[in-house]
Protein backbone atom coordinates (compact mmCIF):
# COMPACT_ATOMS: atom_id res chain seq x y z
CA MET A 1 -23.62 5.05 -20.68
CA LYS A 2 -23.17 1.18 -20.29
CA ARG A 3 -21.39 0.17 -16.89
CA THR A 4 -19.36 -2.85 -16.29
CA PRO A 5 -20.65 -5.10 -13.38
CA ILE A 6 -18.31 -5.08 -10.33
CA GLN A 7 -17.71 -8.84 -9.16
CA VAL A 8 -18.16 -8.73 -5.13
CA VAL A 9 -15.99 -11.48 -3.58
CA HIS A 10 -16.61 -12.66 0.25
CA PHE A 11 -13.49 -14.03 1.53
CA ASP A 12 -13.75 -15.95 4.85
CA LEU A 13 -10.05 -15.65 6.55
CA THR A 14 -8.96 -18.75 8.42
CA SER A 15 -6.02 -17.11 10.24
CA GLU A 16 -5.41 -13.58 11.93
CA HIS A 17 -4.34 -12.20 9.07
CA ILE A 18 -3.20 -13.00 4.99
CA ASP A 19 -0.84 -11.45 2.63
CA LEU A 20 -2.25 -9.23 -0.06
CA HIS A 21 -1.02 -11.02 -3.04
CA SER A 22 -1.84 -14.61 -1.38
CA LEU A 23 -5.57 -13.15 -0.79
CA LEU A 24 -5.81 -12.18 -4.48
CA LYS A 25 -5.27 -15.75 -5.54
CA ALA A 26 -7.04 -17.12 -2.98
CA ALA A 27 -9.99 -15.03 -3.72
CA GLY A 28 -9.74 -16.36 -7.64
CA ILE A 29 -8.71 -12.87 -8.99
CA VAL A 30 -5.11 -14.09 -10.16
CA ASP A 31 -3.88 -17.90 -11.11
CA SER A 32 -0.39 -17.17 -9.16
CA GLY A 33 1.23 -15.53 -6.09
CA GLY A 34 3.27 -14.09 -8.62
CA ALA A 35 0.60 -12.36 -10.41
CA GLY A 36 -1.01 -11.13 -7.39
CA LYS A 37 2.36 -9.42 -6.83
CA GLU A 38 2.57 -7.95 -10.25
CA LEU A 39 -1.04 -6.71 -10.10
CA VAL A 40 -0.29 -4.72 -6.60
CA ALA A 41 2.91 -3.69 -8.07
CA SER A 42 1.01 -2.06 -10.84
CA GLY A 43 -0.48 0.22 -8.44
CA VAL A 44 -4.43 -0.81 -9.51
CA VAL A 45 -5.00 -2.20 -5.62
CA SER A 46 -6.49 -0.38 -3.00
CA VAL A 47 -7.32 -1.53 0.86
CA ASP A 48 -10.01 0.50 2.63
CA ASP A 49 -10.01 2.97 -0.42
CA LEU A 50 -6.24 3.96 0.19
CA PRO A 51 -3.72 2.97 -2.95
CA GLU A 52 -1.70 0.02 -1.66
CA LEU A 53 1.71 -0.87 -3.30
CA ARG A 54 2.95 -3.68 -0.37
CA LYS A 55 2.90 -6.87 -2.02
CA SER A 56 2.89 -8.36 1.43
CA ALA A 57 0.60 -6.05 3.23
CA LYS A 58 -1.20 -8.02 5.95
CA ILE A 59 -5.04 -7.99 4.96
CA ARG A 60 -7.21 -8.87 8.37
CA ALA A 61 -10.67 -9.29 8.82
CA GLY A 62 -13.06 -6.33 8.21
CA GLN A 63 -10.66 -4.82 5.76
CA ARG A 64 -12.05 -4.13 1.96
CA VAL A 65 -9.53 -4.88 -1.09
CA LYS A 66 -10.71 -3.02 -4.42
CA LEU A 67 -9.30 -3.40 -7.67
CA PRO A 68 -10.77 -2.51 -10.96
CA GLY A 69 -14.10 -4.67 -11.36
CA VAL A 70 -14.00 -6.68 -8.13
CA THR A 71 -14.23 -5.60 -4.36
CA ILE A 72 -13.30 -8.43 -1.65
CA TYR A 73 -14.76 -7.95 1.62
CA VAL A 74 -12.53 -10.16 4.30
CA GLN A 75 -14.81 -11.65 7.14
CA GLY A 76 -13.88 -14.25 9.90
CA GLY A 77 -10.43 -14.47 11.01
CA ALA A 78 -9.47 -17.09 13.84
CA LYS A 79 -8.73 -15.59 17.05
CA GLU A 80 -5.00 -16.10 18.68
CA GLN A 81 -5.31 -18.36 21.81
CA ALA A 82 -3.15 -17.21 24.69
């Protein structure tokens, strides 16, 4: 049985969080934020192994986003300064 290779993306976050649909665009998974919204709405995206249907879910450093054939590890993240 032949398996499809999984693409692994390490995304460096430059702020406290990023919206899920924007992450998919910034990581090069989709060509536009609209395409990212459609992908999330289709129900194939999970965050930390839980299905995620919120297009604007806030993704923070340390989280893992998965969809068929792709895993995105979010790392970094700017600390808010008081």
